[in-house]
C-alpha atoms as a PDB file:
ATOM      1  CA  MET A   1     -53.776 -28.463 -25.157  1.00  0.00           C
ATOM      2  CA  THR A   2     -53.504 -26.964 -21.697  1.00  0.00           C
ATOM      3  CA  LYS A   3     -49.958 -26.050 -21.553  1.00  0.00           C
ATOM      4  CA  VAL A   4     -49.280 -22.415 -20.273  1.00  0.00           C
ATOM      5  CA  THR A   5     -47.448 -20.604 -22.834  1.00  0.00           C
ATOM      6  CA  PRO A   6     -45.461 -17.294 -22.422  1.00  0.00           C
ATOM      7  CA  ARG A   7     -48.013 -15.567 -24.584  1.00  0.00           C
ATOM      8  CA  ILE A   8     -50.970 -16.609 -22.290  1.00  0.00           C
ATOM      9  CA  ARG A   9     -48.892 -15.595 -19.237  1.00  0.00           C
ATOM     10  CA  ALA A  10     -48.295 -12.234 -20.665  1.00  0.00           C
ATOM     11  CA  GLN A  11     -51.979 -11.865 -21.438  1.00  0.00           C
ATOM     12  CA  ILE A  12     -53.015 -12.843 -17.911  1.00  0.00           C
ATOM     13  CA  TRP A  13     -50.637 -10.347 -16.487  1.00  0.00           C
ATOM     14  CA  ARG A  14     -52.054  -7.714 -18.692  1.00  0.00           C
ATOM     15  CA  GLU A  15     -55.519  -8.415 -17.588  1.00  0.00           C
ATOM     16  CA  ARG A  16     -54.619  -8.403 -13.816  1.00  0.00           C
ATOM     17  CA  VAL A  17     -52.745  -5.076 -14.224  1.00  0.00           C
ATOM     18  CA  VAL A  18     -55.806  -3.501 -15.992  1.00  0.00           C
ATOM     19  CA  ASP A  19     -58.065  -4.780 -13.082  1.00  0.00           C
ATOM     20  CA  VAL A  20     -55.759  -3.312 -10.373  1.00  0.00           C
ATOM     21  CA  ASN A  21     -55.656   0.166 -12.413  1.00  0.00           C
ATOM     22  CA  ASP A  22     -59.455   0.023 -12.584  1.00  0.00           C
ATOM     23  CA  GLY A  23     -59.429  -0.216  -8.698  1.00  0.00           C
ATOM     24  CA  ILE A  24     -56.933   2.638  -8.337  1.00  0.00           C
ATOM     25  CA  LEU A  25     -58.618   5.011 -10.828  1.00  0.00           C
ATOM     26  CA  GLY A  26     -62.173   4.118 -10.019  1.00  0.00           C
ATOM     27  CA  VAL A  27     -61.987   4.745  -6.281  1.00  0.00           C
ATOM     28  CA  ALA A  28     -59.272   7.580  -6.553  1.00  0.00           C
ATOM     29  CA  GLY A  29     -61.381   9.472  -9.221  1.00  0.00           C
ATOM     30  CA  LEU A  30     -64.471   9.127  -7.088  1.00  0.00           C
ATOM     31  CA  LEU A  31     -62.973  10.300  -3.902  1.00  0.00           C
ATOM     32  CA  SER A  32     -61.116  13.295  -5.664  1.00  0.00           C
ATOM     33  CA  GLY A  33     -64.508  14.511  -6.866  1.00  0.00           C
ATOM     34  CA  LEU A  34     -65.967  14.226  -3.390  1.00  0.00           C
ATOM     35  CA  VAL A  35     -62.940  16.139  -1.910  1.00  0.00           C
ATOM     36  CA  THR A  36     -63.258  18.953  -4.330  1.00  0.00           C
ATOM     37  CA  ALA A  37     -66.950  19.108  -3.645  1.00  0.00           C
ATOM     38  CA  ASP A  38     -66.018  19.726  -0.005  1.00  0.00           C
ATOM     39  CA  LEU A  39     -68.152  16.905   1.403  1.00  0.00           C
ATOM     40  CA  ARG A  40     -67.664  15.656   4.993  1.00  0.00           C
ATOM     41  CA  SER A  41     -64.960  13.017   5.697  1.00  0.00           C
ATOM     42  CA  THR A  42     -67.666  10.497   6.942  1.00  0.00           C
ATOM     43  CA  THR A  43     -69.368  10.764   3.568  1.00  0.00           C
ATOM     44  CA  ILE A  44     -66.302  10.302   1.727  1.00  0.00           C
ATOM     45  CA  ILE A  45     -65.213   7.276   3.667  1.00  0.00           C
ATOM     46  CA  VAL A  46     -68.629   5.636   3.279  1.00  0.00           C
ATOM     47  CA  THR A  47     -68.614   6.322  -0.295  1.00  0.00           C
ATOM     48  CA  ALA A  48     -65.263   4.779  -0.714  1.00  0.00           C
ATOM     49  CA  VAL A  49     -66.469   1.517   1.097  1.00  0.00           C
ATOM     50  CA  VAL A  50     -69.469   1.343  -1.244  1.00  0.00           C
ATOM     51  CA  ALA A  51     -67.349   2.087  -4.316  1.00  0.00           C
ATOM     52  CA  ILE A  52     -64.852  -0.711  -3.503  1.00  0.00           C
ATOM     53  CA  SER A  53     -67.533  -3.230  -2.641  1.00  0.00           C
ATOM     54  CA  ALA A  54     -69.533  -2.274  -5.859  1.00  0.00           C
ATOM     55  CA  GLY A  55     -66.448  -2.319  -7.980  1.00  0.00           C
ATOM     56  CA  ALA A  56     -65.032  -5.528  -6.851  1.00  0.00           C
ATOM     57  CA  THR A  57     -68.374  -7.284  -7.302  1.00  0.00           C
ATOM     58  CA  SER A  58     -68.917  -5.849 -10.657  1.00  0.00           C
ATOM     59  CA  MET A  59     -65.354  -6.822 -11.764  1.00  0.00           C
ATOM     60  CA  ALA A  60     -65.849 -10.247 -10.496  1.00  0.00           C
ATOM     61  CA  ALA A  61     -69.212 -10.551 -12.228  1.00  0.00           C
ATOM     62  CA  MET A  62     -67.943  -9.194 -15.494  1.00  0.00           C
ATOM     63  CA  ARG A  63     -64.823 -11.658 -15.594  1.00  0.00           C
ATOM     64  CA  TYR A  64     -66.949 -14.492 -14.509  1.00  0.00           C
ATOM     65  CA  THR A  65     -69.546 -13.811 -17.213  1.00  0.00           C
ATOM     66  CA  GLU A  66     -66.874 -13.304 -19.707  1.00  0.00           C
ATOM     67  CA  ALA A  67     -65.186 -16.540 -18.882  1.00  0.00           C
ATOM     68  CA  SER A  68     -68.408 -18.539 -18.772  1.00  0.00           C
ATOM     69  CA  PHE A  69     -69.569 -17.284 -22.126  1.00  0.00           C
ATOM     70  CA  ASN A  70     -66.195 -18.009 -23.627  1.00  0.00           C
ATOM     71  CA  ARG A  71     -66.184 -21.573 -22.089  1.00  0.00           C
ATOM     72  CA  ASP A  72     -69.631 -22.286 -23.316  1.00  0.00           C
ATOM     73  CA  ALA A  73     -68.809 -21.342 -26.773  1.00  0.00           C
ATOM     74  CA  ILE A  74     -65.538 -23.502 -26.670  1.00  0.00           C
ATOM     75  CA  MET A  75     -67.559 -26.443 -25.383  1.00  0.00           C
ATOM     76  CA  THR A  76     -70.097 -26.133 -28.203  1.00  0.00           C
ATOM     77  CA  GLU A  77     -67.384 -25.913 -30.755  1.00  0.00           C
ATOM     78  CA  ILE A  78     -65.622 -29.017 -29.332  1.00  0.00           C
ATOM     79  CA  ALA A  79     -68.955 -31.060 -29.325  1.00  0.00           C
ATOM     80  CA  GLU A  80     -69.623 -30.047 -32.931  1.00  0.00           C
ATOM     81  CA  THR A  81     -66.006 -31.126 -33.880  1.00  0.00           C
ATOM     82  CA  LYS A  82     -66.506 -34.406 -32.149  1.00  0.00           C
ATOM     83  CA  ARG A  83     -69.765 -34.926 -33.885  1.00  0.00           C
ATOM     84  CA  ARG A  84     -68.277 -34.271 -37.377  1.00  0.00           C
ATOM     85  CA  LEU A  85     -65.306 -36.739 -36.529  1.00  0.00           C
ATOM     86  CA  ALA A  86     -67.941 -39.331 -35.912  1.00  0.00           C
ATOM     87  CA  LEU A  87     -69.901 -38.566 -38.971  1.00  0.00           C
ATOM     88  CA  THR A  88     -67.317 -37.463 -41.609  1.00  0.00           C
ATOM     89  CA  PRO A  89     -63.873 -38.441 -40.511  1.00  0.00           C
ATOM     90  CA  GLN A  90     -62.292 -38.233 -43.995  1.00  0.00           C
ATOM     91  CA  GLU A  91     -63.533 -34.643 -44.359  1.00  0.00           C
ATOM     92  CA  GLU A  92     -61.985 -33.810 -40.998  1.00  0.00           C
ATOM     93  CA  TYR A  93     -58.771 -35.472 -41.832  1.00  0.00           C
ATOM     94  CA  ASP A  94     -58.668 -33.494 -44.996  1.00  0.00           C
ATOM     95  CA  GLU A  95     -59.128 -30.303 -43.068  1.00  0.00           C
ATOM     96  CA  LEU A  96     -56.158 -31.175 -40.906  1.00  0.00           C
ATOM     97  CA  VAL A  97     -54.063 -31.726 -43.922  1.00  0.00           C
ATOM     98  CA  ASP A  98     -55.137 -28.377 -45.462  1.00  0.00           C
ATOM     99  CA  ILE A  99     -54.159 -26.843 -42.103  1.00  0.00           C
ATOM    100  CA  TYR A 100     -50.572 -28.107 -42.315  1.00  0.00           C
ATOM    101  CA  LEU A 101     -50.152 -27.385 -45.843  1.00  0.00           C
ATOM    102  CA  ASP A 102     -51.115 -23.629 -45.163  1.00  0.00           C
ATOM    103  CA  LYS A 103     -48.478 -23.748 -42.422  1.00  0.00           C
ATOM    104  CA  GLY A 104     -45.944 -24.643 -45.044  1.00  0.00           C
ATOM    105  CA  LEU A 105     -45.351 -28.326 -44.779  1.00  0.00           C
ATOM    106  CA  SER A 106     -44.958 -30.498 -47.969  1.00  0.00           C
ATOM    107  CA  ASP A 107     -47.910 -32.463 -49.163  1.00  0.00           C
ATOM    108  CA  ARG A 108     -46.363 -35.620 -48.047  1.00  0.00           C
ATOM    109  CA  LEU A 109     -45.385 -34.412 -44.534  1.00  0.00           C
ATOM    110  CA  ALA A 110     -48.778 -32.756 -44.145  1.00  0.00           C
ATOM    111  CA  HIS A 111     -50.458 -36.196 -44.732  1.00  0.00           C
ATOM    112  CA  GLU A 112     -48.091 -37.924 -42.334  1.00  0.00           C
ATOM    113  CA  VAL A 113     -48.601 -35.401 -39.567  1.00  0.00           C
ATOM    114  CA  ALA A 114     -52.354 -35.490 -39.930  1.00  0.00           C
ATOM    115  CA  GLN A 115     -52.412 -39.206 -39.980  1.00  0.00           C
ATOM    116  CA  GLU A 116     -50.096 -39.602 -36.938  1.00  0.00           C
ATOM    117  CA  LEU A 117     -52.053 -37.056 -34.868  1.00  0.00           C
ATOM    118  CA  SER A 118     -55.415 -38.460 -35.847  1.00  0.00           C
ATOM    119  CA  ALA A 119     -54.299 -42.020 -35.094  1.00  0.00           C
ATOM    120  CA  HIS A 120     -53.162 -40.707 -31.636  1.00  0.00           C
ATOM    121  CA  ASN A 121     -56.156 -38.571 -30.749  1.00  0.00           C
ATOM    122  CA  ALA A 122     -58.076 -37.000 -33.654  1.00  0.00           C
ATOM    123  CA  LEU A 123     -60.209 -34.848 -31.309  1.00  0.00           C
ATOM    124  CA  GLU A 124     -57.096 -33.199 -29.651  1.00  0.00           C
ATOM    125  CA  ALA A 125     -55.502 -32.624 -32.951  1.00  0.00           C
ATOM    126  CA  HIS A 126     -58.464 -30.737 -34.175  1.00  0.00           C
ATOM    127  CA  ILE A 127     -58.751 -28.726 -30.881  1.00  0.00           C
ATOM    128  CA  ASP A 128     -55.133 -27.795 -31.023  1.00  0.00           C
ATOM    129  CA  ASP A 129     -54.715 -26.891 -34.855  1.00  0.00           C
ATOM    130  CA  GLU A 130     -58.209 -26.214 -36.202  1.00  0.00           C
ATOM    131  CA  LEU A 131     -59.847 -24.449 -33.212  1.00  0.00           C
ATOM    132  CA  ASP A 132     -56.495 -22.904 -32.112  1.00  0.00           C
ATOM    133  CA  LEU A 133     -57.496 -23.244 -28.356  1.00  0.00           C
ATOM    134  CA  ASP A 134     -55.288 -22.792 -25.299  1.00  0.00           C
ATOM    135  CA  GLU A 135     -55.530 -23.015 -21.578  1.00  0.00           C
ATOM    136  CA  ARG A 136     -57.142 -19.552 -21.336  1.00  0.00           C
ATOM    137  CA  ASP A 137     -60.076 -21.017 -23.198  1.00  0.00           C
ATOM    138  CA  PHE A 138     -60.570 -23.495 -20.482  1.00  0.00           C
ATOM    139  CA  GLN A 139     -60.214 -21.019 -17.574  1.00  0.00           C
ATOM    140  CA  SER A 140     -62.602 -21.544 -14.547  1.00  0.00           C
ATOM    141  CA  PRO A 141     -65.042 -18.633 -14.421  1.00  0.00           C
ATOM    142  CA  VAL A 142     -64.972 -18.769 -10.636  1.00  0.00           C
ATOM    143  CA  THR A 143     -61.213 -18.426 -10.726  1.00  0.00           C
ATOM    144  CA  ALA A 144     -61.451 -15.537 -13.207  1.00  0.00           C
ATOM    145  CA  GLY A 145     -63.955 -13.723 -11.086  1.00  0.00           C
ATOM    146  CA  LEU A 146     -62.224 -14.073  -7.910  1.00  0.00           C
ATOM    147  CA  THR A 147     -58.704 -12.885  -9.188  1.00  0.00           C
ATOM    148  CA  ALA A 148     -60.283  -9.946 -10.912  1.00  0.00           C
ATOM    149  CA  ALA A 149     -62.094  -8.898  -7.821  1.00  0.00           C
ATOM    150  CA  LEU A 150     -58.937  -9.380  -5.784  1.00  0.00           C
ATOM    151  CA  ALA A 151     -56.848  -7.290  -8.213  1.00  0.00           C
ATOM    152  CA  PHE A 152     -59.517  -4.536  -8.065  1.00  0.00           C
ATOM    153  CA  LEU A 153     -59.330  -4.553  -4.192  1.00  0.00           C
ATOM    154  CA  VAL A 154     -55.437  -4.327  -4.328  1.00  0.00           C
ATOM    155  CA  GLY A 155     -55.828  -1.265  -6.560  1.00  0.00           C
ATOM    156  CA  ALA A 156     -58.610   0.342  -4.518  1.00  0.00           C
ATOM    157  CA  LEU A 157     -56.725  -0.108  -1.293  1.00  0.00           C
ATOM    158  CA  MET A 158     -54.451   2.940  -1.826  1.00  0.00           C
ATOM    159  CA  PRO A 159     -57.022   5.598  -2.439  1.00  0.00           C
ATOM    160  CA  ALA A 160     -59.234   4.128   0.389  1.00  0.00           C
ATOM    161  CA  LEU A 161     -56.266   4.468   2.952  1.00  0.00           C
ATOM    162  CA  ILE A 162     -55.741   7.964   1.857  1.00  0.00           C
ATOM    163  CA  ALA A 163     -59.356   8.722   2.602  1.00  0.00           C
ATOM    164  CA  LEU A 164     -58.972   7.186   6.031  1.00  0.00           C
ATOM    165  CA  LEU A 165     -55.637   8.513   7.076  1.00  0.00           C
ATOM    166  CA  VAL A 166     -54.955  11.878   5.241  1.00  0.00           C
ATOM    167  CA  PRO A 167     -56.642  15.109   6.215  1.00  0.00           C
ATOM    168  CA  PRO A 168     -59.254  16.379   3.696  1.00  0.00           C
ATOM    169  CA  TYR A 169     -57.193  19.454   2.947  1.00  0.00           C
ATOM    170  CA  ASN A 170     -54.302  17.397   1.821  1.00  0.00           C
ATOM    171  CA  GLN A 171     -56.090  14.411   0.199  1.00  0.00           C
ATOM    172  CA  LEU A 172     -56.220  15.760  -3.444  1.00  0.00           C
ATOM    173  CA  ILE A 173     -52.496  16.312  -3.682  1.00  0.00           C
ATOM    174  CA  VAL A 174     -51.586  13.133  -1.910  1.00  0.00           C
ATOM    175  CA  THR A 175     -54.029  11.222  -4.166  1.00  0.00           C
ATOM    176  CA  LEU A 176     -52.453  12.789  -7.073  1.00  0.00           C
ATOM    177  CA  GLY A 177     -48.928  11.666  -6.179  1.00  0.00           C
ATOM    178  CA  ALA A 178     -50.100   8.173  -5.045  1.00  0.00           C
ATOM    179  CA  VAL A 179     -51.880   7.493  -8.216  1.00  0.00           C
ATOM    180  CA  THR A 180     -49.008   8.627 -10.386  1.00  0.00           C
ATOM    181  CA  LEU A 181     -46.657   6.485  -8.384  1.00  0.00           C
ATOM    182  CA  SER A 182     -49.119   3.412  -8.208  1.00  0.00           C
ATOM    183  CA  LEU A 183     -49.936   3.573 -12.020  1.00  0.00           C
ATOM    184  CA  GLY A 184     -46.146   3.837 -12.822  1.00  0.00           C
ATOM    185  CA  ILE A 185     -45.419   0.765 -10.646  1.00  0.00           C
ATOM    186  CA  THR A 186     -48.340  -1.466 -12.006  1.00  0.00           C
ATOM    187  CA  SER A 187     -47.602  -0.348 -15.561  1.00  0.00           C
ATOM    188  CA  PHE A 188     -43.908  -1.153 -15.357  1.00  0.00           C
ATOM    189  CA  VAL A 189     -44.771  -4.727 -13.768  1.00  0.00           C
ATOM    190  CA  GLY A 190     -47.320  -5.255 -16.417  1.00  0.00           C
ATOM    191  CA  ALA A 191     -44.899  -4.227 -19.294  1.00  0.00           C
ATOM    192  CA  LYS A 192     -42.198  -6.437 -17.949  1.00  0.00           C
ATOM    193  CA  PHE A 193     -44.551  -9.645 -17.636  1.00  0.00           C
ATOM    194  CA  GLY A 194     -46.507  -8.584 -20.674  1.00  0.00           C
ATOM    195  CA  HIS A 195     -43.403  -8.037 -22.981  1.00  0.00           C
ATOM    196  CA  THR A 196     -44.420  -4.565 -24.011  1.00  0.00           C
ATOM    197  CA  HIS A 197     -42.256  -1.266 -23.897  1.00  0.00           C
ATOM    198  CA  PRO A 198     -42.290  -0.083 -20.304  1.00  0.00           C
ATOM    199  CA  ALA A 199     -41.894   3.683 -21.005  1.00  0.00           C
ATOM    200  CA  ARG A 200     -44.972   3.819 -23.480  1.00  0.00           C
ATOM    201  CA  THR A 201     -47.117   1.640 -21.210  1.00  0.00           C
ATOM    202  CA  ILE A 202     -46.265   3.952 -18.122  1.00  0.00           C
ATOM    203  CA  ILE A 203     -46.866   7.147 -19.994  1.00  0.00           C
ATOM    204  CA  ARG A 204     -50.291   5.950 -21.248  1.00  0.00           C
ATOM    205  CA  ALA A 205     -51.419   4.813 -17.999  1.00  0.00           C
ATOM    206  CA  VAL A 206     -50.232   7.835 -16.003  1.00  0.00           C
ATOM    207  CA  SER A 207     -51.676  10.313 -18.618  1.00  0.00           C
ATOM    208  CA  PHE A 208     -55.096   8.698 -18.512  1.00  0.00           C
ATOM    209  CA  GLY A 209     -54.885   8.341 -14.857  1.00  0.00           C
ATOM    210  CA  LEU A 210     -54.234  12.192 -14.351  1.00  0.00           C
ATOM    211  CA  LEU A 211     -56.903  12.948 -16.805  1.00  0.00           C
ATOM    212  CA  THR A 212     -59.395  10.787 -14.880  1.00  0.00           C
ATOM    213  CA  LEU A 213     -58.586  12.828 -11.603  1.00  0.00           C
ATOM    214  CA  ALA A 214     -58.707  16.044 -13.405  1.00  0.00           C
ATOM    215  CA  ILE A 215     -62.275  15.373 -14.836  1.00  0.00           C
ATOM    216  CA  ALA A 216     -63.381  14.057 -11.466  1.00  0.00           C
ATOM    217  CA  SER A 217     -62.162  16.937  -9.591  1.00  0.00           C
ATOM    218  CA  GLY A 218     -63.654  19.322 -12.000  1.00  0.00           C
ATOM    219  CA  VAL A 219     -67.141  17.719 -11.773  1.00  0.00           C
ATOM    220  CA  GLY A 220     -66.796  17.843  -7.995  1.00  0.00           C
ATOM    221  CA  GLU A 221     -65.757  21.492  -8.124  1.00  0.00           C
ATOM    222  CA  LEU A 222     -68.895  22.418 -10.046  1.00  0.00           C
ATOM    223  CA  ALA A 223     -70.998  20.474  -7.578  1.00  0.00           C
ATOM    224  CA  ASP A 224     -69.519  22.415  -4.619  1.00  0.00           C
END
């Protein structure tokens, strides 16, 4: 029931890459707008720190809430299944048989499988085959929140370092190049581990990243 499958690993990698990219674009876009608005370096640095803190906290809270809601819903489903097994075991057995028939098993084999699994652990059989749950559904909300925050911080580190180390008159062009390279790398890694097409994944991420920077810079220019 809690075995880590390749599909789930791929999903986890995709989520973490999205969180990293959020950190890259969220902070880089904000700083690009501030640079084009010709604000002081101190203001830009302070804003970067605030953006990173707020972004990481928000990301952690979002993933924590999402995982908590999902786990609460799953626990409710499991409790209801357990209740039905106690009250109407024959109906629950018949549901398992129907599931295996739908999967293509013969009537005899479907009954044999349902009988074997029910005798071993009826609740686990229903969790695996009726509710179709996996280890992601039992993920700790704290773990989900912390890993999301860490991924965001990793992504935000690059534009933050640019704000700290690169002179203001070069920050925009350096940010543009760094964002393109960073999104290319994270998208490639995500595609490899997530089993998607690398070229398409990179093109999509970089295109939307550059669009984000363009919009942010345009707004900053208007505010100048």
